[in-house]
Every structure is written in structure tokens, then in C-alpha cells.
PDB file of all heavy atoms in Angstrom:
ATOM      1  N   GLU A   1      38.580  24.502   3.569  1.00  0.00           N
ATOM      2  CA  GLU A   1      37.506  24.024   4.449  1.00  0.00           C
ATOM      3  C   GLU A   1      36.504  23.284   3.591  1.00  0.00           C
ATOM      4  O   GLU A   1      36.045  23.803   2.581  1.00  0.00           O
ATOM      5  CB  GLU A   1      36.784  25.191   5.149  1.00  0.00           C
ATOM      6  CG  GLU A   1      37.572  25.854   6.229  1.00  0.00           C
ATOM      7  CD  GLU A   1      36.737  26.850   7.018  1.00  0.00           C
ATOM      8  OE1 GLU A   1      35.481  26.798   6.956  1.00  0.00           O
ATOM      9  OE2 GLU A   1      37.346  27.676   7.693  1.00  0.00           O
ATOM     10  N   GLY A   2      36.153  22.083   4.003  1.00  0.00           N
ATOM     11  CA  GLY A   2      35.214  21.298   3.212  1.00  0.00           C
ATOM     12  C   GLY A   2      34.251  20.493   4.047  1.00  0.00           C
ATOM     13  O   GLY A   2      34.321  20.470   5.269  1.00  0.00           O
ATOM     14  N   GLY A   3      33.347  19.830   3.351  1.00  0.00           N
ATOM     15  CA  GLY A   3      32.365  18.979   4.018  1.00  0.00           C
ATOM     16  C   GLY A   3      31.250  19.761   4.689  1.00  0.00           C
ATOM     17  O   GLY A   3      30.593  19.247   5.586  1.00  0.00           O
ATOM     18  N   ARG A   4      30.998  20.983   4.237  1.00  0.00           N
ATOM     19  CA  ARG A   4      29.967  21.810   4.872  1.00  0.00           C
ATOM     20  C   ARG A   4      28.620  21.606   4.175  1.00  0.00           C
ATOM     21  O   ARG A   4      28.559  21.408   2.968  1.00  0.00           O
ATOM     22  CB  ARG A   4      30.374  23.289   4.809  1.00  0.00           C
ATOM     23  CG  ARG A   4      31.674  23.535   5.510  1.00  0.00           C
ATOM     24  CD  ARG A   4      32.217  24.959   5.375  1.00  0.00           C
ATOM     25  NE  ARG A   4      32.113  25.486   4.041  1.00  0.00           N
ATOM     26  CZ  ARG A   4      31.438  26.603   3.724  1.00  0.00           C
ATOM     27  NH1 ARG A   4      30.839  27.299   4.652  1.00  0.00           N
ATOM     28  NH2 ARG A   4      31.385  27.015   2.488  1.00  0.00           N
ATOM     29  N   LYS A   5      27.552  21.670   4.952  1.00  0.00           N
ATOM     30  CA  LYS A   5      26.198  21.532   4.416  1.00  0.00           C
ATOM     31  C   LYS A   5      25.360  22.731   4.847  1.00  0.00           C
ATOM     32  O   LYS A   5      25.565  23.294   5.905  1.00  0.00           O
ATOM     33  CB  LYS A   5      25.551  20.243   4.904  1.00  0.00           C
ATOM     34  CG  LYS A   5      26.232  19.021   4.339  1.00  0.00           C
ATOM     35  CD  LYS A   5      25.514  17.765   4.701  1.00  0.00           C
ATOM     36  CE  LYS A   5      26.272  16.613   4.064  1.00  0.00           C
ATOM     37  NZ  LYS A   5      25.611  15.360   4.258  1.00  0.00           N
ATOM     38  N   GLY A   6      24.420  23.091   3.994  1.00  0.00           N
ATOM     39  CA  GLY A   6      23.518  24.197   4.296  1.00  0.00           C
ATOM     40  C   GLY A   6      22.073  23.747   4.209  1.00  0.00           C
ATOM     41  O   GLY A   6      21.742  22.814   3.472  1.00  0.00           O
ATOM     42  N   LEU A   7      21.225  24.425   4.952  1.00  0.00           N
ATOM     43  CA  LEU A   7      19.792  24.127   4.935  1.00  0.00           C
ATOM     44  C   LEU A   7      19.083  25.255   4.206  1.00  0.00           C
ATOM     45  O   LEU A   7      19.208  26.419   4.573  1.00  0.00           O
ATOM     46  CB  LEU A   7      19.248  24.012   6.363  1.00  0.00           C
ATOM     47  CG  LEU A   7      17.762  23.701   6.502  1.00  0.00           C
ATOM     48  CD1 LEU A   7      17.431  22.341   5.893  1.00  0.00           C
ATOM     49  CD2 LEU A   7      17.342  23.734   7.956  1.00  0.00           C
ATOM     50  N   TYR A   8      18.385  24.906   3.140  1.00  0.00           N
ATOM     51  CA  TYR A   8      17.682  25.885   2.324  1.00  0.00           C
ATOM     52  C   TYR A   8      16.188  25.668   2.483  1.00  0.00           C
ATOM     53  O   TYR A   8      15.687  24.558   2.286  1.00  0.00           O
ATOM     54  CB  TYR A   8      18.095  25.729   0.857  1.00  0.00           C
ATOM     55  CG  TYR A   8      17.420  26.702  -0.072  1.00  0.00           C
ATOM     56  CD1 TYR A   8      17.801  28.034  -0.100  1.00  0.00           C
ATOM     57  CD2 TYR A   8      16.402  26.279  -0.921  1.00  0.00           C
ATOM     58  CE1 TYR A   8      17.184  28.929  -0.948  1.00  0.00           C
ATOM     59  CE2 TYR A   8      15.783  27.169  -1.774  1.00  0.00           C
ATOM     60  CZ  TYR A   8      16.176  28.484  -1.781  1.00  0.00           C
ATOM     61  OH  TYR A   8      15.567  29.371  -2.624  1.00  0.00           O
ATOM     62  N   LYS A   9      15.494  26.720   2.842  1.00  0.00           N
ATOM     63  CA  LYS A   9      14.039  26.649   2.990  1.00  0.00           C
ATOM     64  C   LYS A   9      13.403  27.271   1.761  1.00  0.00           C
ATOM     65  O   LYS A   9      13.738  28.392   1.386  1.00  0.00           O
ATOM     66  CB  LYS A   9      13.611  27.405   4.249  1.00  0.00           C
ATOM     67  CG  LYS A   9      12.130  27.385   4.510  1.00  0.00           C
ATOM     68  CD  LYS A   9      11.831  28.068   5.827  1.00  0.00           C
ATOM     69  CE  LYS A   9      10.860  29.186   5.600  1.00  0.00           C
ATOM     70  NZ  LYS A   9      10.495  29.902   6.805  1.00  0.00           N
ATOM     71  N   ASN A  10      12.516  26.542   1.133  1.00  0.00           N
ATOM     72  CA  ASN A  10      11.858  26.998  -0.081  1.00  0.00           C
ATOM     73  C   ASN A  10      10.353  26.955   0.157  1.00  0.00           C
ATOM     74  O   ASN A  10       9.811  25.917   0.517  1.00  0.00           O
ATOM     75  CB  ASN A  10      12.260  26.074  -1.243  1.00  0.00           C
ATOM     76  CG  ASN A  10      11.813  26.602  -2.575  1.00  0.00           C
ATOM     77  OD1 ASN A  10      11.500  27.769  -2.717  1.00  0.00           O
ATOM     78  ND2 ASN A  10      11.777  25.722  -3.549  1.00  0.00           N
ATOM     79  N   GLU A  11       9.702  28.091  -0.026  1.00  0.00           N
ATOM     80  CA  GLU A  11       8.248  28.123   0.121  1.00  0.00           C
ATOM     81  C   GLU A  11       7.624  28.172  -1.273  1.00  0.00           C
ATOM     82  O   GLU A  11       7.997  29.008  -2.087  1.00  0.00           O
ATOM     83  CB  GLU A  11       7.817  29.325   0.950  1.00  0.00           C
ATOM     84  CG  GLU A  11       8.249  29.207   2.396  1.00  0.00           C
ATOM     85  CD  GLU A  11       7.776  30.371   3.241  1.00  0.00           C
ATOM     86  OE1 GLU A  11       7.212  31.329   2.706  1.00  0.00           O
ATOM     87  OE2 GLU A  11       7.981  30.304   4.456  1.00  0.00           O
ATOM     88  N   VAL A  12       6.715  27.270  -1.517  1.00  0.00           N
ATOM     89  CA  VAL A  12       6.072  27.179  -2.820  1.00  0.00           C
ATOM     90  C   VAL A  12       4.627  27.609  -2.668  1.00  0.00           C
ATOM     91  O   VAL A  12       3.904  27.122  -1.800  1.00  0.00           O
ATOM     92  CB  VAL A  12       6.150  25.726  -3.364  1.00  0.00           C
ATOM     93  CG1 VAL A  12       5.441  25.620  -4.690  1.00  0.00           C
ATOM     94  CG2 VAL A  12       7.588  25.277  -3.473  1.00  0.00           C
ATOM     95  N   LEU A  13       4.220  28.534  -3.517  1.00  0.00           N
ATOM     96  CA  LEU A  13       2.824  28.979  -3.538  1.00  0.00           C
ATOM     97  C   LEU A  13       2.205  28.448  -4.822  1.00  0.00           C
ATOM     98  O   LEU A  13       2.515  28.903  -5.921  1.00  0.00           O
ATOM     99  CB  LEU A  13       2.748  30.509  -3.489  1.00  0.00           C
ATOM    100  CG  LEU A  13       1.358  31.103  -3.337  1.00  0.00           C
ATOM    101  CD1 LEU A  13       0.690  30.586  -2.062  1.00  0.00           C
ATOM    102  CD2 LEU A  13       1.427  32.614  -3.308  1.00  0.00           C
ATOM    103  N   ASP A  14       1.386  27.416  -4.679  1.00  0.00           N
ATOM    104  CA  ASP A  14       0.737  26.788  -5.813  1.00  0.00           C
ATOM    105  C   ASP A  14      -0.426  27.675  -6.268  1.00  0.00           C
ATOM    106  O   ASP A  14      -1.017  28.394  -5.468  1.00  0.00           O
ATOM    107  CB  ASP A  14       0.216  25.413  -5.377  1.00  0.00           C
ATOM    108  CG  ASP A  14       0.080  24.449  -6.522  1.00  0.00           C
ATOM    109  OD1 ASP A  14      -0.105  24.913  -7.650  1.00  0.00           O
ATOM    110  OD2 ASP A  14       0.173  23.233  -6.272  1.00  0.00           O
ATOM    111  N   ASP A  15      -0.748  27.642  -7.531  1.00  0.00           N
ATOM    112  CA  ASP A  15      -1.852  28.458  -8.051  1.00  0.00           C
ATOM    113  C   ASP A  15      -3.180  28.095  -7.406  1.00  0.00           C
ATOM    114  O   ASP A  15      -4.081  28.925  -7.317  1.00  0.00           O
ATOM    115  CB  ASP A  15      -1.945  28.310  -9.571  1.00  0.00           C
ATOM    116  CG  ASP A  15      -0.768  28.967 -10.272  1.00  0.00           C
ATOM    117  OD1 ASP A  15      -0.175  29.906  -9.684  1.00  0.00           O
ATOM    118  OD2 ASP A  15      -0.428  28.542 -11.392  1.00  0.00           O
ATOM    119  N   SER A  16      -3.309  26.860  -6.941  1.00  0.00           N
ATOM    120  CA  SER A  16      -4.572  26.420  -6.340  1.00  0.00           C
ATOM    121  C   SER A  16      -4.624  26.697  -4.842  1.00  0.00           C
ATOM    122  O   SER A  16      -5.616  26.420  -4.196  1.00  0.00           O
ATOM    123  CB  SER A  16      -4.780  24.928  -6.595  1.00  0.00           C
ATOM    124  OG  SER A  16      -3.751  24.194  -5.956  1.00  0.00           O
ATOM    125  N   SER A  17      -3.551  27.251  -4.269  1.00  0.00           N
ATOM    126  CA  SER A  17      -3.498  27.454  -2.827  1.00  0.00           C
ATOM    127  C   SER A  17      -3.099  28.888  -2.516  1.00  0.00           C
ATOM    128  O   SER A  17      -2.346  29.509  -3.252  1.00  0.00           O
ATOM    129  CB  SER A  17      -2.475  26.494  -2.213  1.00  0.00           C
ATOM    130  OG  SER A  17      -2.286  26.801  -0.861  1.00  0.00           O
ATOM    131  N   ILE A  18      -3.607  29.410  -1.428  1.00  0.00           N
ATOM    132  CA  ILE A  18      -3.212  30.756  -1.003  1.00  0.00           C
ATOM    133  C   ILE A  18      -2.219  30.706   0.157  1.00  0.00           C
ATOM    134  O   ILE A  18      -1.673  31.718   0.545  1.00  0.00           O
ATOM    135  CB  ILE A  18      -4.447  31.612  -0.619  1.00  0.00           C
ATOM    136  CG1 ILE A  18      -5.248  30.917   0.489  1.00  0.00           C
ATOM    137  CG2 ILE A  18      -5.301  31.890  -1.839  1.00  0.00           C
ATOM    138  CD1 ILE A  18      -6.345  31.787   1.050  1.00  0.00           C
ATOM    139  N   ILE A  19      -1.990  29.513   0.688  1.00  0.00           N
ATOM    140  CA  ILE A  19      -1.046  29.345   1.791  1.00  0.00           C
ATOM    141  C   ILE A  19       0.216  28.677   1.255  1.00  0.00           C
ATOM    142  O   ILE A  19       0.146  27.611   0.652  1.00  0.00           O
ATOM    143  CB  ILE A  19      -1.663  28.490   2.924  1.00  0.00           C
ATOM    144  CG1 ILE A  19      -2.910  29.178   3.468  1.00  0.00           C
ATOM    145  CG2 ILE A  19      -0.634  28.241   4.023  1.00  0.00           C
ATOM    146  CD1 ILE A  19      -3.691  28.352   4.445  1.00  0.00           C
ATOM    147  N   PRO A  20       1.400  29.302   1.450  1.00  0.00           N
ATOM    148  CA  PRO A  20       2.639  28.685   0.958  1.00  0.00           C
ATOM    149  C   PRO A  20       2.941  27.371   1.676  1.00  0.00           C
ATOM    150  O   PRO A  20       2.676  27.226   2.864  1.00  0.00           O
ATOM    151  CB  PRO A  20       3.715  29.712   1.269  1.00  0.00           C
ATOM    152  CG  PRO A  20       3.026  30.911   1.789  1.00  0.00           C
ATOM    153  CD  PRO A  20       1.613  30.562   2.103  1.00  0.00           C
ATOM    154  N   VAL A  21       3.497  26.430   0.931  1.00  0.00           N
ATOM    155  CA  VAL A  21       3.922  25.151   1.481  1.00  0.00           C
ATOM    156  C   VAL A  21       5.440  25.209   1.635  1.00  0.00           C
ATOM    157  O   VAL A  21       6.153  25.553   0.696  1.00  0.00           O
ATOM    158  CB  VAL A  21       3.522  23.991   0.542  1.00  0.00           C
ATOM    159  CG1 VAL A  21       4.034  22.663   1.074  1.00  0.00           C
ATOM    160  CG2 VAL A  21       2.021  23.966   0.344  1.00  0.00           C
ATOM    161  N   GLU A  22       5.925  24.876   2.828  1.00  0.00           N
ATOM    162  CA  GLU A  22       7.364  24.959   3.092  1.00  0.00           C
ATOM    163  C   GLU A  22       8.054  23.649   2.726  1.00  0.00           C
ATOM    164  O   GLU A  22       7.607  22.586   3.108  1.00  0.00           O
ATOM    165  CB  GLU A  22       7.603  25.265   4.569  1.00  0.00           C
ATOM    166  CG  GLU A  22       9.072  25.364   4.927  1.00  0.00           C
ATOM    167  CD  GLU A  22       9.276  25.665   6.400  1.00  0.00           C
ATOM    168  OE1 GLU A  22       8.834  26.714   6.856  1.00  0.00           O
ATOM    169  OE2 GLU A  22       9.881  24.810   7.081  1.00  0.00           O
ATOM    170  N   ARG A  23       9.137  23.781   1.975  1.00  0.00           N
ATOM    171  CA  ARG A  23       9.983  22.638   1.656  1.00  0.00           C
ATOM    172  C   ARG A  23      11.402  22.993   2.056  1.00  0.00           C
ATOM    173  O   ARG A  23      11.884  24.076   1.779  1.00  0.00           O
ATOM    174  CB  ARG A  23       9.916  22.325   0.169  1.00  0.00           C
ATOM    175  CG  ARG A  23       8.564  21.848  -0.266  1.00  0.00           C
ATOM    176  CD  ARG A  23       8.623  21.223  -1.650  1.00  0.00           C
ATOM    177  NE  ARG A  23       7.298  20.824  -2.038  1.00  0.00           N
ATOM    178  CZ  ARG A  23       6.622  21.347  -3.046  1.00  0.00           C
ATOM    179  NH1 ARG A  23       7.170  22.279  -3.782  1.00  0.00           N
ATOM    180  NH2 ARG A  23       5.414  20.923  -3.325  1.00  0.00           N
ATOM    181  N   ARG A  24      12.096  22.065   2.686  1.00  0.00           N
ATOM    182  CA  ARG A  24      13.483  22.276   3.085  1.00  0.00           C
ATOM    183  C   ARG A  24      14.385  21.327   2.317  1.00  0.00           C
ATOM    184  O   ARG A  24      14.045  20.171   2.131  1.00  0.00           O
ATOM    185  CB  ARG A  24      13.665  22.063   4.589  1.00  0.00           C
ATOM    186  CG  ARG A  24      12.935  23.089   5.407  1.00  0.00           C
ATOM    187  CD  ARG A  24      13.144  22.890   6.874  1.00  0.00           C
ATOM    188  NE  ARG A  24      12.423  23.920   7.609  1.00  0.00           N
ATOM    189  CZ  ARG A  24      12.729  24.302   8.808  1.00  0.00           C
ATOM    190  NH1 ARG A  24      13.741  23.759   9.449  1.00  0.00           N
ATOM    191  NH2 ARG A  24      12.038  25.247   9.417  1.00  0.00           N
ATOM    192  N   SER A  25      15.536  21.848   1.901  1.00  0.00           N
ATOM    193  CA  SER A  25      16.506  21.052   1.158  1.00  0.00           C
ATOM    194  C   SER A  25      17.868  21.175   1.816  1.00  0.00           C
ATOM    195  O   SER A  25      18.247  22.249   2.287  1.00  0.00           O
ATOM    196  CB  SER A  25      16.631  21.561  -0.280  1.00  0.00           C
ATOM    197  OG  SER A  25      15.387  21.598  -0.910  1.00  0.00           O
ATOM    198  N   VAL A  26      18.607  20.082   1.833  1.00  0.00           N
ATOM    199  CA  VAL A  26      19.979  20.087   2.316  1.00  0.00           C
ATOM    200  C   VAL A  26      20.890  20.232   1.101  1.00  0.00           C
ATOM    201  O   VAL A  26      20.783  19.478   0.144  1.00  0.00           O
ATOM    202  CB  VAL A  26      20.309  18.793   3.090  1.00  0.00           C
ATOM    203  CG1 VAL A  26      21.775  18.763   3.483  1.00  0.00           C
ATOM    204  CG2 VAL A  26      19.415  18.669   4.313  1.00  0.00           C
TER     205      VAL A  26
END
């Protein structure tokens, strides 16, 4: 089985921020 893709959600908490920023990657 090939050609499959996944969605990865990455939350980054910067030292200057208390609210995580969401980034999504394929």
C-alpha cells in the first residue's frame, strides 16, 4: 500500500508567549 499522507499537528510554545501556536504539516 502506498501513496498515503498523514496530517501532523505541532503546537509550539515560544518562550515569549504563553499561548501555543498551532502548526500543521503534511
